[in-house]
Amino acid sequence: MGRRAFLREVIPRAATALGALGLGFLIDAVWARAVRGARLEREDYPRFVVGSYRVHHNVVGYLMLVVGLFAYPVVLIPLGLGMIVGHGIRDRLFWFVERMD
């Protein structure tokens, strides 16, 4: 495969992956603001708690990573990473389950 043919294959996939990563960041930001308010100042907001464990919304990102191993990896893996990294940067928390004491 020549350089030109290689680039014709790689550039659209790279653009799709970067777009999906950006969309993951956007989904994370919108989700957090929808739950916690426009400036994320709200401390008392709905939480998804199962037993004594709180499940964070970035669990969807981890799910997308796993599904992306089997189907549509160019889209689902960067989309999931965008959600996970966005959550981690904002809340300094990369785990998706937290024990509530």
PDB file of N, CA and C in Angstrom:
ATOM      1  N   MET A   1       0.844  -1.166   0.000  1.00  0.00           N
ATOM      2  CA  MET A   1       0.000   0.000   0.000  1.00  0.00           C
ATOM      3  C   MET A   1       0.895   1.236   0.000  1.00  0.00           C
ATOM      4  N   GLY A   2       0.606   2.132  -0.875  1.00  0.00           N
ATOM      5  CA  GLY A   2       1.374   3.362  -0.981  1.00  0.00           C
ATOM      6  C   GLY A   2       0.963   4.382   0.069  1.00  0.00           C
ATOM      7  N   ARG A   3       1.740   5.431   0.161  1.00  0.00           N
ATOM      8  CA  ARG A   3       1.477   6.472   1.148  1.00  0.00           C
ATOM      9  C   ARG A   3       0.128   7.150   0.934  1.00  0.00           C
ATOM     10  N   ARG A   4      -0.181   7.433  -0.301  1.00  0.00           N
ATOM     11  CA  ARG A   4      -1.444   8.103  -0.626  1.00  0.00           C
ATOM     12  C   ARG A   4      -2.645   7.229  -0.253  1.00  0.00           C
ATOM     13  N   ALA A   5      -2.589   5.951  -0.581  1.00  0.00           N
ATOM     14  CA  ALA A   5      -3.676   5.032  -0.239  1.00  0.00           C
ATOM     15  C   ALA A   5      -3.792   4.883   1.275  1.00  0.00           C
ATOM     16  N   PHE A   6      -2.656   4.822   1.941  1.00  0.00           N
ATOM     17  CA  PHE A   6      -2.661   4.719   3.397  1.00  0.00           C
ATOM     18  C   PHE A   6      -3.340   5.932   4.026  1.00  0.00           C
ATOM     19  N   LEU A   7      -2.988   7.118   3.566  1.00  0.00           N
ATOM     20  CA  LEU A   7      -3.580   8.336   4.108  1.00  0.00           C
ATOM     21  C   LEU A   7      -5.073   8.419   3.809  1.00  0.00           C
ATOM     22  N   ARG A   8      -5.478   7.935   2.628  1.00  0.00           N
ATOM     23  CA  ARG A   8      -6.911   7.913   2.309  1.00  0.00           C
ATOM     24  C   ARG A   8      -7.691   7.023   3.262  1.00  0.00           C
ATOM     25  N   GLU A   9      -7.043   6.004   3.794  1.00  0.00           N
ATOM     26  CA  GLU A   9      -7.691   5.118   4.766  1.00  0.00           C
ATOM     27  C   GLU A   9      -7.641   5.697   6.178  1.00  0.00           C
ATOM     28  N   VAL A  10      -6.510   6.262   6.555  1.00  0.00           N
ATOM     29  CA  VAL A  10      -6.291   6.678   7.939  1.00  0.00           C
ATOM     30  C   VAL A  10      -6.971   7.998   8.286  1.00  0.00           C
ATOM     31  N   ILE A  11      -6.920   8.976   7.409  1.00  0.00           N
ATOM     32  CA  ILE A  11      -7.439  10.302   7.735  1.00  0.00           C
ATOM     33  C   ILE A  11      -8.927  10.289   8.102  1.00  0.00           C
ATOM     34  N   PRO A  12      -9.791   9.633   7.338  1.00  0.00           N
ATOM     35  CA  PRO A  12     -11.204   9.611   7.751  1.00  0.00           C
ATOM     36  C   PRO A  12     -11.415   8.901   9.092  1.00  0.00           C
ATOM     37  N   ARG A  13     -10.671   7.834   9.339  1.00  0.00           N
ATOM     38  CA  ARG A  13     -10.816   7.119  10.622  1.00  0.00           C
ATOM     39  C   ARG A  13     -10.307   7.965  11.777  1.00  0.00           C
ATOM     40  N   ALA A  14      -9.198   8.656  11.565  1.00  0.00           N
ATOM     41  CA  ALA A  14      -8.655   9.526  12.612  1.00  0.00           C
ATOM     42  C   ALA A  14      -9.624  10.677  12.901  1.00  0.00           C
ATOM     43  N   ALA A  15     -10.207  11.239  11.863  1.00  0.00           N
ATOM     44  CA  ALA A  15     -11.180  12.316  12.053  1.00  0.00           C
ATOM     45  C   ALA A  15     -12.402  11.809  12.811  1.00  0.00           C
ATOM     46  N   THR A  16     -12.862  10.612  12.490  1.00  0.00           N
ATOM     47  CA  THR A  16     -13.997  10.016  13.200  1.00  0.00           C
ATOM     48  C   THR A  16     -13.654   9.789  14.661  1.00  0.00           C
ATOM     49  N   ALA A  17     -12.464   9.254  14.923  1.00  0.00           N
ATOM     50  CA  ALA A  17     -12.042   8.985  16.299  1.00  0.00           C
ATOM     51  C   ALA A  17     -11.913  10.283  17.097  1.00  0.00           C
ATOM     52  N   LEU A  18     -11.319  11.312  16.514  1.00  0.00           N
ATOM     53  CA  LEU A  18     -11.187  12.593  17.212  1.00  0.00           C
ATOM     54  C   LEU A  18     -12.550  13.234  17.454  1.00  0.00           C
ATOM     55  N   GLY A  19     -13.436  13.119  16.483  1.00  0.00           N
ATOM     56  CA  GLY A  19     -14.796  13.627  16.672  1.00  0.00           C
ATOM     57  C   GLY A  19     -15.519  12.898  17.786  1.00  0.00           C
ATOM     58  N   ALA A  20     -15.350  11.579  17.849  1.00  0.00           N
ATOM     59  CA  ALA A  20     -15.981  10.792  18.904  1.00  0.00           C
ATOM     60  C   ALA A  20     -15.407  11.141  20.269  1.00  0.00           C
ATOM     61  N   LEU A  21     -14.102  11.377  20.348  1.00  0.00           N
ATOM     62  CA  LEU A  21     -13.478  11.786  21.602  1.00  0.00           C
ATOM     63  C   LEU A  21     -14.059  13.120  22.069  1.00  0.00           C
ATOM     64  N   GLY A  22     -14.150  14.066  21.154  1.00  0.00           N
ATOM     65  CA  GLY A  22     -14.745  15.357  21.479  1.00  0.00           C
ATOM     66  C   GLY A  22     -16.197  15.230  21.905  1.00  0.00           C
ATOM     67  N   LEU A  23     -16.939  14.357  21.238  1.00  0.00           N
ATOM     68  CA  LEU A  23     -18.334  14.123  21.602  1.00  0.00           C
ATOM     69  C   LEU A  23     -18.432  13.514  22.992  1.00  0.00           C
ATOM     70  N   GLY A  24     -17.491  12.648  23.341  1.00  0.00           N
ATOM     71  CA  GLY A  24     -17.462  12.078  24.687  1.00  0.00           C
ATOM     72  C   GLY A  24     -17.276  13.150  25.749  1.00  0.00           C
ATOM     73  N   PHE A  25     -16.345  14.095  25.500  1.00  0.00           N
ATOM     74  CA  PHE A  25     -16.158  15.219  26.418  1.00  0.00           C
ATOM     75  C   PHE A  25     -17.444  16.033  26.524  1.00  0.00           C
ATOM     76  N   LEU A  26     -18.082  16.279  25.397  1.00  0.00           N
ATOM     77  CA  LEU A  26     -19.308  17.071  25.375  1.00  0.00           C
ATOM     78  C   LEU A  26     -20.433  16.370  26.135  1.00  0.00           C
ATOM     79  N   ILE A  27     -20.609  15.077  25.915  1.00  0.00           N
ATOM     80  CA  ILE A  27     -21.645  14.320  26.628  1.00  0.00           C
ATOM     81  C   ILE A  27     -21.406  14.396  28.126  1.00  0.00           C
ATOM     82  N   ASP A  28     -20.150  14.219  28.548  1.00  0.00           N
ATOM     83  CA  ASP A  28     -19.826  14.295  29.970  1.00  0.00           C
ATOM     84  C   ASP A  28     -20.164  15.671  30.536  1.00  0.00           C
ATOM     85  N   ALA A  29     -19.782  16.725  29.839  1.00  0.00           N
ATOM     86  CA  ALA A  29     -20.026  18.086  30.321  1.00  0.00           C
ATOM     87  C   ALA A  29     -21.519  18.390  30.403  1.00  0.00           C
ATOM     88  N   VAL A  30     -22.267  18.003  29.385  1.00  0.00           N
ATOM     89  CA  VAL A  30     -23.714  18.259  29.379  1.00  0.00           C
ATOM     90  C   VAL A  30     -24.389  17.462  30.485  1.00  0.00           C
ATOM     91  N   TRP A  31     -24.003  16.202  30.641  1.00  0.00           N
ATOM     92  CA  TRP A  31     -24.591  15.347  31.671  1.00  0.00           C
ATOM     93  C   TRP A  31     -24.345  15.947  33.056  1.00  0.00           C
ATOM     94  N   ALA A  32     -23.117  16.348  33.341  1.00  0.00           N
ATOM     95  CA  ALA A  32     -22.791  16.917  34.650  1.00  0.00           C
ATOM     96  C   ALA A  32     -23.566  18.203  34.902  1.00  0.00           C
ATOM     97  N   ARG A  33     -23.668  19.050  33.891  1.00  0.00           N
ATOM     98  CA  ARG A  33     -24.389  20.308  34.076  1.00  0.00           C
ATOM     99  C   ARG A  33     -25.895  20.102  34.168  1.00  0.00           C
ATOM    100  N   ALA A  34     -26.412  19.102  33.512  1.00  0.00           N
ATOM    101  CA  ALA A  34     -27.842  18.805  33.610  1.00  0.00           C
ATOM    102  C   ALA A  34     -28.201  18.343  35.025  1.00  0.00           C
ATOM    103  N   VAL A  35     -27.293  17.641  35.664  1.00  0.00           N
ATOM    104  CA  VAL A  35     -27.551  17.120  37.003  1.00  0.00           C
ATOM    105  C   VAL A  35     -27.177  18.125  38.084  1.00  0.00           C
ATOM    106  N   ARG A  36     -26.039  18.818  37.928  1.00  0.00           N
ATOM    107  CA  ARG A  36     -25.507  19.668  38.998  1.00  0.00           C
ATOM    108  C   ARG A  36     -25.701  21.163  38.776  1.00  0.00           C
ATOM    109  N   GLY A  37     -26.251  21.564  37.675  1.00  0.00           N
ATOM    110  CA  GLY A  37     -26.459  22.986  37.420  1.00  0.00           C
ATOM    111  C   GLY A  37     -25.437  23.518  36.432  1.00  0.00           C
ATOM    112  N   ALA A  38     -25.722  24.660  35.870  1.00  0.00           N
ATOM    113  CA  ALA A  38     -24.902  25.221  34.794  1.00  0.00           C
ATOM    114  C   ALA A  38     -23.459  25.460  35.198  1.00  0.00           C
ATOM    115  N   ARG A  39     -23.227  25.853  36.450  1.00  0.00           N
ATOM    116  CA  ARG A  39     -21.851  26.130  36.880  1.00  0.00           C
ATOM    117  C   ARG A  39     -21.311  25.043  37.809  1.00  0.00           C
ATOM    118  N   LEU A  40     -22.000  23.929  37.902  1.00  0.00           N
ATOM    119  CA  LEU A  40     -21.588  22.774  38.708  1.00  0.00           C
ATOM    120  C   LEU A  40     -21.482  23.096  40.193  1.00  0.00           C
ATOM    121  N   GLU A  41     -22.204  24.132  40.653  1.00  0.00           N
ATOM    122  CA  GLU A  41     -22.085  24.555  42.042  1.00  0.00           C
ATOM    123  C   GLU A  41     -22.965  23.753  42.995  1.00  0.00           C
ATOM    124  N   ARG A  42     -23.957  23.106  42.476  1.00  0.00           N
ATOM    125  CA  ARG A  42     -24.906  22.399  43.321  1.00  0.00           C
ATOM    126  C   ARG A  42     -24.253  21.197  44.000  1.00  0.00           C
ATOM    127  N   GLU A  43     -24.398  21.085  45.305  1.00  0.00           N
ATOM    128  CA  GLU A  43     -23.818  19.961  46.028  1.00  0.00           C
ATOM    129  C   GLU A  43     -24.840  18.880  46.317  1.00  0.00           C
ATOM    130  N   ASP A  44     -26.102  19.267  46.403  1.00  0.00           N
ATOM    131  CA  ASP A  44     -27.166  18.301  46.660  1.00  0.00           C
ATOM    132  C   ASP A  44     -27.883  18.027  45.341  1.00  0.00           C
ATOM    133  N   TYR A  45     -27.502  16.952  44.687  1.00  0.00           N
ATOM    134  CA  TYR A  45     -28.074  16.597  43.390  1.00  0.00           C
ATOM    135  C   TYR A  45     -28.350  15.096  43.379  1.00  0.00           C
ATOM    136  N   PRO A  46     -29.208  14.628  42.465  1.00  0.00           N
ATOM    137  CA  PRO A  46     -29.546  13.202  42.436  1.00  0.00           C
ATOM    138  C   PRO A  46     -28.323  12.340  42.142  1.00  0.00           C
ATOM    139  N   ARG A  47     -28.221  11.248  42.866  1.00  0.00           N
ATOM    140  CA  ARG A  47     -27.128  10.298  42.667  1.00  0.00           C
ATOM    141  C   ARG A  47     -27.722   8.913  42.483  1.00  0.00           C
ATOM    142  N   PHE A  48     -27.066   8.108  41.674  1.00  0.00           N
ATOM    143  CA  PHE A  48     -27.504   6.737  41.445  1.00  0.00           C
ATOM    144  C   PHE A  48     -26.768   5.847  42.448  1.00  0.00           C
ATOM    145  N   VAL A  49     -27.488   5.367  43.460  1.00  0.00           N
ATOM    146  CA  VAL A  49     -26.897   4.566  44.523  1.00  0.00           C
ATOM    147  C   VAL A  49     -27.528   3.183  44.497  1.00  0.00           C
ATOM    148  N   VAL A  50     -26.656   2.163  44.496  1.00  0.00           N
ATOM    149  CA  VAL A  50     -27.089   0.772  44.541  1.00  0.00           C
ATOM    150  C   VAL A  50     -26.505   0.182  45.821  1.00  0.00           C
ATOM    151  N   GLY A  51     -27.371  -0.117  46.778  1.00  0.00           N
ATOM    152  CA  GLY A  51     -26.890  -0.594  48.069  1.00  0.00           C
ATOM    153  C   GLY A  51     -26.074   0.497  48.734  1.00  0.00           C
ATOM    154  N   SER A  52     -24.799   0.225  49.001  1.00  0.00           N
ATOM    155  CA  SER A  52     -23.930   1.230  49.609  1.00  0.00           C
ATOM    156  C   SER A  52     -22.919   1.775  48.597  1.00  0.00           C
ATOM    157  N   TYR A  53     -23.205   1.614  47.305  1.00  0.00           N
ATOM    158  CA  TYR A  53     -22.280   2.062  46.265  1.00  0.00           C
ATOM    159  C   TYR A  53     -22.936   3.100  45.366  1.00  0.00           C
ATOM    160  N   ARG A  54     -22.203   4.167  45.112  1.00  0.00           N
ATOM    161  CA  ARG A  54     -22.662   5.189  44.176  1.00  0.00           C
ATOM    162  C   ARG A  54     -22.057   4.887  42.811  1.00  0.00           C
ATOM    163  N   VAL A  55     -22.887   4.862  41.789  1.00  0.00           N
ATOM    164  CA  VAL A  55     -22.436   4.597  40.426  1.00  0.00           C
ATOM    165  C   VAL A  55     -22.389   5.933  39.693  1.00  0.00           C
ATOM    166  N   HIS A  56     -21.208   6.294  39.208  1.00  0.00           N
ATOM    167  CA  HIS A  56     -21.033   7.565  38.505  1.00  0.00           C
ATOM    168  C   HIS A  56     -21.453   7.414  37.039  1.00  0.00           C
ATOM    169  N   HIS A  57     -21.741   8.555  36.399  1.00  0.00           N
ATOM    170  CA  HIS A  57     -22.206   8.498  35.016  1.00  0.00           C
ATOM    171  C   HIS A  57     -21.126   8.038  34.054  1.00  0.00           C
ATOM    172  N   ASN A  58     -19.855   8.085  34.442  1.00  0.00           N
ATOM    173  CA  ASN A  58     -18.834   7.625  33.510  1.00  0.00           C
ATOM    174  C   ASN A  58     -18.814   6.108  33.363  1.00  0.00           C
ATOM    175  N   VAL A  59     -19.692   5.414  34.095  1.00  0.00           N
ATOM    176  CA  VAL A  59     -19.841   3.975  33.874  1.00  0.00           C
ATOM    177  C   VAL A  59     -20.266   3.726  32.429  1.00  0.00           C
ATOM    178  N   VAL A  60     -20.988   4.664  31.847  1.00  0.00           N
ATOM    179  CA  VAL A  60     -21.387   4.550  30.445  1.00  0.00           C
ATOM    180  C   VAL A  60     -20.148   4.571  29.547  1.00  0.00           C
ATOM    181  N   GLY A  61     -19.159   5.389  29.904  1.00  0.00           N
ATOM    182  CA  GLY A  61     -17.908   5.429  29.147  1.00  0.00           C
ATOM    183  C   GLY A  61     -17.176   4.100  29.205  1.00  0.00           C
ATOM    184  N   TYR A  62     -17.116   3.489  30.388  1.00  0.00           N
ATOM    185  CA  TYR A  62     -16.469   2.182  30.512  1.00  0.00           C
ATOM    186  C   TYR A  62     -17.227   1.125  29.718  1.00  0.00           C
ATOM    187  N   LEU A  63     -18.544   1.210  29.735  1.00  0.00           N
ATOM    188  CA  LEU A  63     -19.356   0.285  28.950  1.00  0.00           C
ATOM    189  C   LEU A  63     -19.066   0.441  27.457  1.00  0.00           C
ATOM    190  N   MET A  64     -18.913   1.672  27.011  1.00  0.00           N
ATOM    191  CA  MET A  64     -18.602   1.909  25.598  1.00  0.00           C
ATOM    192  C   MET A  64     -17.229   1.359  25.228  1.00  0.00           C
ATOM    193  N   LEU A  65     -16.275   1.452  26.138  1.00  0.00           N
ATOM    194  CA  LEU A  65     -14.963   0.859  25.878  1.00  0.00           C
ATOM    195  C   LEU A  65     -15.077  -0.643  25.654  1.00  0.00           C
ATOM    196  N   VAL A  66     -15.819  -1.306  26.511  1.00  0.00           N
ATOM    197  CA  VAL A  66     -15.960  -2.759  26.403  1.00  0.00           C
ATOM    198  C   VAL A  66     -16.701  -3.139  25.131  1.00  0.00           C
ATOM    199  N   VAL A  67     -17.800  -2.463  24.841  1.00  0.00           N
ATOM    200  CA  VAL A  67     -18.555  -2.754  23.621  1.00  0.00           C
ATOM    201  C   VAL A  67     -17.710  -2.437  22.397  1.00  0.00           C
ATOM    202  N   GLY A  68     -16.889  -1.376  22.492  1.00  0.00           N
ATOM    203  CA  GLY A  68     -16.021  -0.986  21.386  1.00  0.00           C
ATOM    204  C   GLY A  68     -14.966  -2.027  21.044  1.00  0.00           C
ATOM    205  N   LEU A  69     -14.662  -2.912  21.971  1.00  0.00           N
ATOM    206  CA  LEU A  69     -13.732  -4.001  21.663  1.00  0.00           C
ATOM    207  C   LEU A  69     -14.324  -4.986  20.669  1.00  0.00           C
ATOM    208  N   PHE A  70     -15.656  -5.017  20.572  1.00  0.00           N
ATOM    209  CA  PHE A  70     -16.344  -5.975  19.708  1.00  0.00           C
ATOM    210  C   PHE A  70     -17.030  -5.334  18.500  1.00  0.00           C
ATOM    211  N   ALA A  71     -17.421  -4.070  18.613  1.00  0.00           N
ATOM    212  CA  ALA A  71     -18.152  -3.428  17.517  1.00  0.00           C
ATOM    213  C   ALA A  71     -17.827  -1.940  17.469  1.00  0.00           C
ATOM    214  N   TYR A  72     -17.625  -1.417  16.299  1.00  0.00           N
ATOM    215  CA  TYR A  72     -17.393   0.007  16.042  1.00  0.00           C
ATOM    216  C   TYR A  72     -16.301   0.613  16.929  1.00  0.00           C
ATOM    217  N   PRO A  73     -15.120   0.013  16.971  1.00  0.00           N
ATOM    218  CA  PRO A  73     -14.074   0.518  17.872  1.00  0.00           C
ATOM    219  C   PRO A  73     -13.598   1.932  17.557  1.00  0.00           C
ATOM    220  N   VAL A  74     -13.634   2.339  16.306  1.00  0.00           N
ATOM    221  CA  VAL A  74     -13.158   3.687  15.940  1.00  0.00           C
ATOM    222  C   VAL A  74     -14.056   4.760  16.536  1.00  0.00           C
ATOM    223  N   VAL A  75     -15.304   4.423  16.811  1.00  0.00           N
ATOM    224  CA  VAL A  75     -16.244   5.385  17.381  1.00  0.00           C
ATOM    225  C   VAL A  75     -16.404   5.184  18.887  1.00  0.00           C
ATOM    226  N   LEU A  76     -16.688   3.964  19.307  1.00  0.00           N
ATOM    227  CA  LEU A  76     -17.062   3.726  20.698  1.00  0.00           C
ATOM    228  C   LEU A  76     -15.905   3.859  21.688  1.00  0.00           C
ATOM    229  N   ILE A  77     -14.717   3.431  21.323  1.00  0.00           N
ATOM    230  CA  ILE A  77     -13.593   3.528  22.256  1.00  0.00           C
ATOM    231  C   ILE A  77     -13.234   4.992  22.532  1.00  0.00           C
ATOM    232  N   PRO A  78     -13.049   5.851  21.520  1.00  0.00           N
ATOM    233  CA  PRO A  78     -12.763   7.256  21.843  1.00  0.00           C
ATOM    234  C   PRO A  78     -13.937   7.967  22.512  1.00  0.00           C
ATOM    235  N   LEU A  79     -15.163   7.590  22.171  1.00  0.00           N
ATOM    236  CA  LEU A  79     -16.330   8.188  22.820  1.00  0.00           C
ATOM    237  C   LEU A  79     -16.316   7.864  24.307  1.00  0.00           C
ATOM    238  N   GLY A  80     -16.078   6.608  24.645  1.00  0.00           N
ATOM    239  CA  GLY A  80     -15.984   6.209  26.046  1.00  0.00           C
ATOM    240  C   GLY A  80     -14.831   6.887  26.754  1.00  0.00           C
ATOM    241  N   LEU A  81     -13.672   6.975  26.095  1.00  0.00           N
ATOM    242  CA  LEU A  81     -12.517   7.646  26.697  1.00  0.00           C
ATOM    243  C   LEU A  81     -12.807   9.121  26.964  1.00  0.00           C
ATOM    244  N   GLY A  82     -13.511   9.761  26.049  1.00  0.00           N
ATOM    245  CA  GLY A  82     -13.876  11.167  26.253  1.00  0.00           C
ATOM    246  C   GLY A  82     -14.729  11.360  27.490  1.00  0.00           C
ATOM    247  N   MET A  83     -15.683  10.458  27.698  1.00  0.00           N
ATOM    248  CA  MET A  83     -16.540  10.547  28.880  1.00  0.00           C
ATOM    249  C   MET A  83     -15.741  10.287  30.161  1.00  0.00           C
ATOM    250  N   ILE A  84     -14.869   9.300  30.135  1.00  0.00           N
ATOM    251  CA  ILE A  84     -14.084   8.946  31.320  1.00  0.00           C
ATOM    252  C   ILE A  84     -13.098  10.050  31.667  1.00  0.00           C
ATOM    253  N   VAL A  85     -12.368  10.527  30.679  1.00  0.00           N
ATOM    254  CA  VAL A  85     -11.359  11.561  30.928  1.00  0.00           C
ATOM    255  C   VAL A  85     -12.026  12.876  31.332  1.00  0.00           C
ATOM    256  N   GLY A  86     -13.138  13.222  30.699  1.00  0.00           N
ATOM    257  CA  GLY A  86     -13.859  14.438  31.079  1.00  0.00           C
ATOM    258  C   GLY A  86     -14.303  14.381  32.532  1.00  0.00           C
ATOM    259  N   HIS A  87     -14.833  13.261  32.959  1.00  0.00           N
ATOM    260  CA  HIS A  87     -15.262  13.068  34.341  1.00  0.00           C
ATOM    261  C   HIS A  87     -14.060  13.133  35.274  1.00  0.00           C
ATOM    262  N   GLY A  88     -12.968  12.509  34.869  1.00  0.00           N
ATOM    263  CA  GLY A  88     -11.766  12.498  35.700  1.00  0.00           C
ATOM    264  C   GLY A  88     -11.148  13.874  35.865  1.00  0.00           C
ATOM    265  N   ILE A  89     -11.125  14.653  34.812  1.00  0.00           N
ATOM    266  CA  ILE A  89     -10.556  15.996  34.889  1.00  0.00           C
ATOM    267  C   ILE A  89     -11.418  16.886  35.782  1.00  0.00           C
ATOM    268  N   ARG A  90     -12.722  16.826  35.605  1.00  0.00           N
ATOM    269  CA  ARG A  90     -13.624  17.693  36.363  1.00  0.00           C
ATOM    270  C   ARG A  90     -13.711  17.283  37.827  1.00  0.00           C
ATOM    271  N   ASP A  91     -13.925  16.020  38.105  1.00  0.00           N
ATOM    272  CA  ASP A  91     -14.160  15.560  39.473  1.00  0.00           C
ATOM    273  C   ASP A  91     -12.957  14.878  40.107  1.00  0.00           C
ATOM    274  N   ARG A  92     -11.854  14.774  39.361  1.00  0.00           N
ATOM    275  CA  ARG A  92     -10.650  14.079  39.827  1.00  0.00           C
ATOM    276  C   ARG A  92     -10.980  12.653  40.278  1.00  0.00           C
ATOM    277  N   LEU A  93     -11.852  12.034  39.523  1.00  0.00           N
ATOM    278  CA  LEU A  93     -12.288  10.689  39.855  1.00  0.00           C
ATOM    279  C   LEU A  93     -12.438   9.886  38.568  1.00  0.00           C
ATOM    280  N   PHE A  94     -11.608   8.863  38.414  1.00  0.00           N
ATOM    281  CA  PHE A  94     -11.680   8.036  37.215  1.00  0.00           C
ATOM    282  C   PHE A  94     -12.447   6.744  37.461  1.00  0.00           C
ATOM    283  N   TRP A  95     -12.736   6.419  38.714  1.00  0.00           N
ATOM    284  CA  TRP A  95     -13.505   5.218  38.999  1.00  0.00           C
ATOM    285  C   TRP A  95     -14.972   5.487  38.729  1.00  0.00           C
ATOM    286  N   PHE A  96     -15.720   4.456  38.461  1.00  0.00           N
ATOM    287  CA  PHE A  96     -17.140   4.644  38.182  1.00  0.00           C
ATOM    288  C   PHE A  96     -18.024   4.180  39.312  1.00  0.00           C
ATOM    289  N   VAL A  97     -17.435   3.556  40.338  1.00  0.00           N
ATOM    290  CA  VAL A  97     -18.185   3.118  41.501  1.00  0.00           C
ATOM    291  C   VAL A  97     -17.476   3.637  42.744  1.00  0.00           C
ATOM    292  N   GLU A  98     -18.249   4.174  43.662  1.00  0.00           N
ATOM    293  CA  GLU A  98     -17.689   4.749  44.886  1.00  0.00           C
ATOM    294  C   GLU A  98     -18.487   4.227  46.075  1.00  0.00           C
ATOM    295  N   ARG A  99     -17.796   3.759  47.088  1.00  0.00           N
ATOM    296  CA  ARG A  99     -18.477   3.258  48.296  1.00  0.00           C
ATOM    297  C   ARG A  99     -18.973   4.436  49.117  1.00  0.00           C
ATOM    298  N   MET A 100     -20.258   4.400  49.458  1.00  0.00           N
ATOM    299  CA  MET A 100     -20.858   5.452  50.283  1.00  0.00           C
ATOM    300  C   MET A 100     -20.785   5.013  51.740  1.00  0.00           C
ATOM    301  N   ASP A 101     -20.156   5.800  52.568  1.00  0.00           N
ATOM    302  CA  ASP A 101     -20.029   5.441  53.991  1.00  0.00           C
ATOM    303  C   ASP A 101     -21.096   6.079  54.829  1.00  0.00           C
TER     304      ASP A 101
END
